[in-house]
Amino acid sequence: MDRKKESIELEAAEWFATIQEPELSGEQLLAWEEWMSSSSEHLQAFSRYQDLYKRMNQLEEIPLPDEAEMTADDYDGSESISEWLAKQSPTTAKVVPYPAKKRNSIWLPTASAAAIILAVLLFALIPERGHLPEVQVYETTVAQQREITLDDGSQITIGAKSGISVNYSEQQRNVVLTHGEALFNVVSDSDRPFVVMAGKGNITVLGTLFNVNRNSKRTQVTVAEGRVQVVSHLNGDVPGNTPAQSAILERGEQVGYTMEGQMGEITSIESGMADWKKGYWRYRREPLQSVIEDINRYSRKEIILVGSNAEMLMFTGTVHQNQLEEWLSGVIDIYKLEVSEAGDKAIILRKRQ
């Protein structure tokens, strides 16, 4: 294992221990969210430690010999155990087998020795094993959608090429949207607010239906039912202090905030939130760059828009997931874009000068 991977494994183990603390500070949660969302390798490493912990927690203790067995034991170490056992009668020799169902290796195939040792130490030091919040990581690939039902009955539909981590306990219901888009249908629980962290902000609800779309430039929150609070933190703002910006969204409202934490105005939306579940998107004066990021989650070839004036291009219209090539052809003509291809992996668009 190279040093970079070893460092990631160690960081994952440390974060796994940190996230088990019963009362995490807002600063810790945001730091964990940023670490998880900064690299898919971080997500995968954290997921491996989650799996390792679950398997270690299921190990059964090997039964120790009782006093009578200890007294009857005359093995002196002068020969191998197998030779000594061969000389014993069936009534005097006893072997305590390790449970067969537990013999599978629990070690991480990609973890270094140092990371494994740290994981074992963390396992031993974390109190009250078996009653800790369990963090689950879910990811989707290009053009894949996935629906999951959480322990409380809340449902999440994960959009294509997206990732979330779920941290549930008796005190909290936390979800991190590390990248992409997800639709949340939350079961009401006044004692455990449901919090979604995405970028520089978090969304808090008691029970509602809402959508969160996160790309490289901004995070957008849209409410279909119920009421949510959106809080964003500007770069340098310390979570736990007075929120930099806050908004309450009602049914049919939407707000976004940038990757720096700057929140925009609340706007009303037409019916059709989360149309991506139905196979299309509808946009009204949306930056073309943001539209392309949505489409890239469903496109076999990545579309890249470059150029100093690319951010000024706005798009209004409907895009169907099964007609991406036709849409792209139209966009190239309408915006007079130059096209070049990077093999079979990417299509590069540039505004003609």
Protein backbone atom coordinates (compact mmCIF):
# COMPACT_ATOMS: atom_id res chain seq x y z
CA MET A 1 0.00 0.00 0.00
CA ASP A 2 1.38 3.44 -0.93
CA ARG A 3 1.57 6.28 1.57
CA LYS A 4 -1.45 8.12 0.17
CA LYS A 5 -3.74 5.11 0.57
CA GLU A 6 -2.35 4.36 4.01
CA SER A 7 -3.00 7.95 5.06
CA ILE A 8 -6.60 7.72 3.82
CA GLU A 9 -7.14 4.45 5.73
CA LEU A 10 -5.84 6.02 8.94
CA GLU A 11 -7.99 9.11 8.47
CA ALA A 12 -11.04 6.92 7.82
CA ALA A 13 -10.43 5.01 11.06
CA GLU A 14 -10.07 8.24 13.02
CA TRP A 15 -13.23 9.71 11.51
CA PHE A 16 -15.12 6.50 12.21
CA ALA A 17 -14.26 6.83 15.90
CA THR A 18 -15.08 10.55 15.95
CA ILE A 19 -18.50 10.12 14.37
CA GLN A 20 -19.51 7.70 17.14
CA GLU A 21 -19.35 10.44 19.77
CA PRO A 22 -22.84 10.92 21.27
CA GLU A 23 -22.81 14.69 20.84
CA LEU A 24 -20.96 15.90 17.77
CA SER A 25 -20.38 19.61 17.37
CA GLY A 26 -21.49 21.39 14.22
CA GLU A 27 -17.85 22.04 13.41
CA GLN A 28 -17.04 18.32 13.61
CA LEU A 29 -20.01 17.40 11.42
CA LEU A 30 -19.06 19.89 8.73
CA ALA A 31 -15.42 18.80 8.83
CA TRP A 32 -16.48 15.16 8.45
CA GLU A 33 -18.84 16.06 5.60
CA GLU A 34 -16.07 17.94 3.78
CA TRP A 35 -13.67 15.02 4.22
CA MET A 36 -16.26 12.50 2.97
CA SER A 37 -17.22 14.58 -0.06
CA SER A 38 -13.70 15.55 -1.13
CA SER A 39 -12.88 12.14 -2.63
CA SER A 40 -14.60 8.89 -3.56
CA GLU A 41 -11.60 7.13 -1.97
CA HIS A 42 -12.61 8.67 1.36
CA LEU A 43 -16.15 7.34 1.00
CA GLN A 44 -14.91 3.87 0.15
CA ALA A 45 -12.38 3.78 3.00
CA PHE A 46 -14.97 4.91 5.54
CA SER A 47 -17.39 2.28 4.25
CA ARG A 48 -14.73 -0.42 4.66
CA TYR A 49 -14.21 0.51 8.32
CA GLN A 50 -17.96 0.49 8.84
CA ASP A 51 -18.07 -3.04 7.45
CA LEU A 52 -15.02 -4.11 9.48
CA TYR A 53 -16.55 -2.77 12.69
CA LYS A 54 -19.82 -4.61 12.09
CA ARG A 55 -18.01 -7.90 11.55
CA MET A 56 -15.73 -7.44 14.57
CA ASN A 57 -18.76 -6.62 16.69
CA GLN A 58 -20.33 -9.95 15.67
CA LEU A 59 -17.37 -12.10 16.72
CA GLU A 60 -18.17 -14.63 19.40
CA GLU A 61 -15.80 -15.15 22.28
CA ILE A 62 -13.90 -18.44 22.25
CA PRO A 63 -15.02 -20.37 25.35
CA LEU A 64 -12.29 -20.74 27.98
CA PRO A 65 -11.64 -24.10 29.70
CA ASP A 66 -13.24 -24.60 33.10
CA GLU A 67 -11.31 -25.48 36.29
CA ALA A 68 -11.68 -29.25 35.81
CA GLU A 69 -10.33 -29.05 32.28
CA MET A 70 -7.38 -26.94 33.44
CA THR A 71 -6.55 -29.50 36.15
CA ALA A 72 -6.74 -32.41 33.70
CA ASP A 73 -4.50 -30.68 31.16
CA ASP A 74 -1.02 -32.32 31.25
CA TYR A 75 0.36 -30.87 28.02
CA ASP A 76 3.95 -29.68 28.76
CA GLY A 77 4.97 -28.28 25.38
CA SER A 78 7.62 -30.92 24.66
CA GLU A 79 5.84 -32.03 21.47
CA SER A 80 3.42 -30.63 18.96
CA ILE A 81 -0.22 -30.36 19.97
CA SER A 82 -1.27 -32.69 17.14
CA GLU A 83 1.17 -35.40 18.35
CA TRP A 84 0.03 -34.96 21.94
CA LEU A 85 -3.64 -35.17 20.95
CA ALA A 86 -2.99 -38.34 18.94
CA LYS A 87 -1.80 -40.07 22.12
CA GLN A 88 -4.83 -39.07 24.17
CA SER A 89 -8.01 -41.09 24.51
CA PRO A 90 -11.25 -39.51 23.23
CA THR A 91 -12.42 -39.05 26.81
CA THR A 92 -9.35 -37.13 27.99
CA ALA A 93 -8.52 -35.01 24.96
CA LYS A 94 -10.68 -32.04 24.18
CA VAL A 95 -10.33 -29.46 21.45
CA VAL A 96 -12.34 -26.26 21.60
CA PRO A 97 -13.00 -25.33 17.97
CA TYR A 98 -13.34 -21.75 16.77
CA PRO A 99 -16.91 -21.33 15.48
CA ALA A 100 -16.88 -22.23 11.78
CA LYS A 101 -19.22 -19.46 10.78
CA LYS A 102 -16.76 -16.93 12.20
CA ARG A 103 -13.65 -18.18 10.43
CA ASN A 104 -13.90 -15.88 7.46
CA SER A 105 -11.25 -13.21 7.49
CA ILE A 106 -12.41 -9.90 8.88
CA TRP A 107 -9.35 -7.97 7.78
CA LEU A 108 -9.49 -5.32 5.13
CA PRO A 109 -7.77 -6.53 1.97
CA THR A 110 -6.44 -3.08 1.16
CA ALA A 111 -5.58 -1.82 4.63
CA SER A 112 -2.03 -1.48 5.87
CA ALA A 113 -0.86 -3.12 9.08
CA ALA A 114 -0.87 0.26 10.81
CA ALA A 115 -4.44 0.96 9.74
CA ILE A 116 -5.61 -2.46 10.89
CA ILE A 117 -3.94 -2.03 14.28
CA LEU A 118 -5.58 1.37 14.65
CA ALA A 119 -8.95 -0.12 13.72
CA VAL A 120 -8.60 -2.84 16.35
CA LEU A 121 -7.57 -0.28 18.99
CA LEU A 122 -10.52 1.93 18.11
CA PHE A 123 -12.83 -1.08 18.33
CA ALA A 124 -11.52 -1.83 21.82
CA LEU A 125 -11.72 1.77 23.01
CA ILE A 126 -15.15 2.75 21.67
CA PRO A 127 -17.60 2.35 24.58
CA GLU A 128 -20.89 0.47 24.52
CA ARG A 129 -20.30 -1.47 21.34
CA GLY A 130 -23.46 -2.59 19.64
CA HIS A 131 -25.37 0.58 20.64
CA LEU A 132 -23.53 3.04 18.42
CA PRO A 133 -24.97 5.04 15.53
CA GLU A 134 -24.41 3.09 12.36
CA VAL A 135 -23.08 4.96 9.34
CA GLN A 136 -24.09 3.54 5.99
CA VAL A 137 -22.63 4.74 2.69
CA TYR A 138 -24.60 4.53 -0.56
CA GLU A 139 -23.41 5.43 -4.06
CA THR A 140 -24.86 5.19 -7.55
CA THR A 141 -23.18 4.98 -10.94
CA VAL A 142 -23.91 6.72 -14.25
CA ALA A 143 -27.63 6.57 -15.17
CA GLN A 144 -28.43 4.52 -12.03
CA GLN A 145 -31.09 5.49 -9.47
CA ARG A 146 -31.52 3.78 -6.12
CA GLU A 147 -34.26 3.82 -3.51
CA ILE A 148 -33.54 3.02 0.14
CA THR A 149 -35.79 2.85 3.21
CA LEU A 150 -34.23 3.87 6.52
CA ASP A 151 -34.90 2.31 9.92
CA ASP A 152 -37.59 4.86 10.79
CA GLY A 153 -39.45 4.39 7.50
CA SER A 154 -38.05 7.50 5.82
CA GLN A 155 -37.27 6.98 2.15
CA ILE A 156 -34.45 8.35 0.03
CA THR A 157 -34.25 8.18 -3.75
CA ILE A 158 -30.65 8.67 -4.84
CA GLY A 159 -30.07 10.14 -8.28
CA ALA A 160 -27.48 8.91 -10.75
CA LYS A 161 -23.77 9.31 -9.99
CA SER A 162 -24.57 10.49 -6.46
CA GLY A 163 -23.49 9.56 -2.96
CA ILE A 164 -24.85 9.82 0.58
CA SER A 165 -23.90 8.62 4.05
CA VAL A 166 -26.55 7.95 6.70
CA ASN A 167 -25.84 8.26 10.42
CA TYR A 168 -28.75 7.16 12.64
CA SER A 169 -28.89 6.81 16.41
CA GLU A 170 -31.46 7.25 19.18
CA GLN A 171 -30.60 10.96 19.31
CA GLN A 172 -29.98 11.92 15.69
CA ARG A 173 -30.89 11.39 12.05
CA ASN A 174 -28.04 12.79 9.97
CA VAL A 175 -27.49 12.36 6.24
CA VAL A 176 -24.59 13.74 4.22
CA LEU A 177 -25.11 14.34 0.50
CA THR A 178 -21.50 14.08 -0.63
CA HIS A 179 -22.28 14.67 -4.31
CA GLY A 180 -25.16 14.55 -6.74
CA GLU A 181 -28.88 14.60 -6.00
CA ALA A 182 -31.38 12.90 -3.72
CA LEU A 183 -35.09 13.09 -2.94
CA PHE A 184 -36.06 12.73 0.75
CA ASN A 185 -39.45 11.60 2.07
CA VAL A 186 -39.04 11.97 5.82
CA VAL A 187 -41.16 10.35 8.53
CA SER A 188 -42.07 12.81 11.28
CA ASP A 189 -40.21 12.45 14.59
CA SER A 190 -40.28 15.53 16.83
CA ASP A 191 -37.60 14.07 19.10
CA ARG A 192 -35.13 13.45 16.27
CA PRO A 193 -34.91 16.17 13.63
CA PHE A 194 -33.75 14.91 10.24
CA VAL A 195 -30.66 16.84 9.08
CA VAL A 196 -29.15 16.74 5.59
CA MET A 197 -25.67 18.23 5.23
CA ALA A 198 -24.58 19.32 1.75
CA GLY A 199 -21.66 21.59 1.00
CA LYS A 200 -21.55 24.64 3.24
CA GLY A 201 -25.07 24.21 4.54
CA ASN A 202 -27.55 21.93 6.25
CA ILE A 203 -31.27 21.32 5.90
CA THR A 204 -33.31 20.50 9.02
CA VAL A 205 -36.81 18.99 8.92
CA LEU A 206 -39.26 17.14 11.16
CA GLY A 207 -41.25 15.45 8.41
CA THR A 208 -41.50 16.47 4.77
CA LEU A 209 -40.75 15.73 1.12
CA PHE A 210 -37.86 17.68 -0.37
CA ASN A 211 -35.10 17.45 -2.97
CA VAL A 212 -31.42 18.40 -2.66
CA ASN A 213 -29.22 18.85 -5.73
CA ARG A 214 -25.50 19.44 -5.18
CA ASN A 215 -22.98 20.19 -7.92
CA SER A 216 -19.55 21.80 -8.08
CA LYS A 217 -20.94 25.36 -7.94
CA ARG A 218 -23.96 25.29 -5.66
CA THR A 219 -26.49 23.29 -3.64
CA GLN A 220 -30.20 23.70 -4.35
CA VAL A 221 -33.03 22.76 -1.96
CA THR A 222 -36.63 22.34 -3.17
CA VAL A 223 -39.63 21.54 -0.94
CA ALA A 224 -42.67 19.61 -2.19
CA GLU A 225 -44.41 19.08 1.15
CA GLY A 226 -43.92 20.34 4.69
CA ARG A 227 -41.44 22.91 5.93
CA VAL A 228 -37.65 22.95 6.18
CA GLN A 229 -34.95 25.22 7.55
CA VAL A 230 -31.87 25.80 5.41
CA VAL A 231 -28.73 27.19 7.05
CA SER A 232 -25.56 28.03 5.13
CA HIS A 233 -22.15 28.87 6.55
CA LEU A 234 -19.85 31.26 4.74
CA ASN A 235 -16.20 30.31 4.39
CA GLY A 236 -14.57 31.06 7.72
CA ASP A 237 -17.83 31.03 9.67
CA VAL A 238 -17.70 28.71 12.68
CA PRO A 239 -20.69 26.33 12.96
CA GLY A 240 -22.40 26.77 16.31
CA ASN A 241 -22.19 30.56 16.18
CA THR A 242 -25.04 32.66 14.80
CA PRO A 243 -25.76 31.20 11.35
CA ALA A 244 -24.40 33.26 8.49
CA GLN A 245 -27.65 32.89 6.55
CA SER A 246 -30.90 31.07 7.20
CA ALA A 247 -34.14 30.51 5.29
CA ILE A 248 -37.44 28.75 5.99
CA LEU A 249 -38.89 27.01 2.93
CA GLU A 250 -42.56 26.13 2.55
CA ARG A 251 -44.22 23.88 0.01
CA GLY A 252 -43.36 24.87 -3.58
CA GLU A 253 -40.33 26.97 -2.64
CA GLN A 254 -36.67 26.66 -3.53
CA VAL A 255 -33.39 28.21 -2.43
CA GLY A 256 -29.75 27.66 -3.32
CA TYR A 257 -26.37 28.46 -1.83
CA THR A 258 -22.93 28.51 -3.41
CA MET A 259 -19.97 26.33 -2.55
CA GLU A 260 -18.69 29.31 -0.51
CA GLY A 261 -21.93 29.38 1.51
CA GLN A 262 -23.58 32.43 -0.08
CA MET A 263 -27.35 31.94 -0.07
CA GLY A 264 -29.62 33.19 -2.84
CA GLU A 265 -33.22 34.37 -2.75
CA ILE A 266 -36.18 32.08 -2.13
CA THR A 267 -38.12 31.43 -5.32
CA SER A 268 -41.41 29.71 -6.09
CA ILE A 269 -41.39 26.69 -8.39
CA GLU A 270 -43.93 25.11 -10.67
CA SER A 271 -45.22 21.61 -9.99
CA GLY A 272 -42.87 18.85 -11.04
CA MET A 273 -40.15 18.80 -8.40
CA ALA A 274 -37.74 15.87 -8.84
CA ASP A 275 -38.75 15.34 -12.45
CA TRP A 276 -35.43 13.51 -12.80
CA LYS A 277 -37.21 10.50 -11.28
CA LYS A 278 -39.61 10.56 -14.24
CA GLY A 279 -36.85 10.76 -16.84
CA TYR A 280 -36.48 14.46 -17.58
CA TRP A 281 -35.50 17.89 -16.21
CA ARG A 282 -37.14 21.28 -16.62
CA TYR A 283 -35.10 24.48 -16.33
CA ARG A 284 -35.81 28.19 -16.28
CA ARG A 285 -32.82 30.49 -16.79
CA GLU A 286 -30.46 27.94 -15.29
CA PRO A 287 -26.71 28.26 -15.95
CA LEU A 288 -25.85 25.89 -18.79
CA GLN A 289 -22.92 24.66 -16.70
CA SER A 290 -25.31 23.45 -13.97
CA VAL A 291 -27.58 21.81 -16.54
CA ILE A 292 -24.61 19.92 -17.95
CA GLU A 293 -23.61 18.70 -14.48
CA ASP A 294 -27.10 17.21 -14.05
CA ILE A 295 -26.91 15.57 -17.46
CA ASN A 296 -23.44 14.14 -16.84
CA ARG A 297 -24.92 11.86 -14.19
CA TYR A 298 -26.80 10.09 -16.98
CA SER A 299 -24.42 10.50 -19.93
CA ARG A 300 -21.98 7.76 -20.92
CA LYS A 301 -19.65 10.47 -22.18
CA GLU A 302 -18.81 13.34 -19.88
CA ILE A 303 -19.71 16.75 -21.30
CA ILE A 304 -17.24 19.52 -20.43
CA LEU A 305 -18.04 23.20 -21.01
CA VAL A 306 -14.93 25.40 -21.06
CA GLY A 307 -14.07 29.02 -21.82
CA SER A 308 -14.04 32.30 -19.91
CA ASN A 309 -17.60 33.16 -20.97
CA ALA A 310 -19.09 29.71 -20.28
CA GLU A 311 -20.65 30.76 -16.97
CA MET A 312 -22.71 33.46 -18.72
CA LEU A 313 -24.66 30.96 -20.84
CA MET A 314 -28.20 30.38 -19.50
CA PHE A 315 -30.66 27.64 -20.48
CA THR A 316 -34.45 27.38 -20.41
CA GLY A 317 -36.21 24.24 -21.55
CA THR A 318 -36.78 20.52 -21.00
CA VAL A 319 -34.15 17.78 -21.28
CA HIS A 320 -35.14 14.11 -21.60
CA GLN A 321 -32.73 11.52 -20.24
CA ASN A 322 -33.30 9.22 -23.22
CA GLN A 323 -32.64 11.99 -25.76
CA LEU A 324 -29.35 13.44 -24.56
CA GLU A 325 -27.63 13.26 -27.95
CA GLU A 326 -30.46 15.18 -29.60
CA TRP A 327 -30.40 17.79 -26.84
CA LEU A 328 -26.63 18.19 -27.12
CA SER A 329 -26.85 18.66 -30.88
CA GLY A 330 -29.43 21.40 -30.42
CA VAL A 331 -27.39 23.16 -27.71
CA ILE A 332 -24.31 23.18 -29.95
CA ASP A 333 -26.29 24.92 -32.71
CA ILE A 334 -28.16 27.37 -30.47
CA TYR A 335 -25.11 28.56 -28.53
CA LYS A 336 -22.72 28.23 -31.49
CA LEU A 337 -20.32 25.96 -29.63
CA GLU A 338 -17.15 24.37 -30.94
CA VAL A 339 -16.89 20.64 -30.30
CA SER A 340 -13.89 18.41 -29.71
CA GLU A 341 -13.75 14.89 -28.32
CA ALA A 342 -11.30 13.29 -25.90
CA GLY A 343 -11.47 9.74 -27.19
CA ASP A 344 -14.64 7.93 -26.14
CA LYS A 345 -14.75 9.44 -22.65
CA ALA A 346 -15.52 13.15 -23.00
CA ILE A 347 -17.05 15.80 -25.25
CA ILE A 348 -15.53 19.26 -24.86
CA LEU A 349 -17.65 22.32 -25.70
CA ARG A 350 -16.28 25.82 -26.16
CA LYS A 351 -18.00 29.07 -27.11
CA ARG A 352 -16.85 30.27 -30.51
CA GLN A 353 -14.94 33.53 -30.42
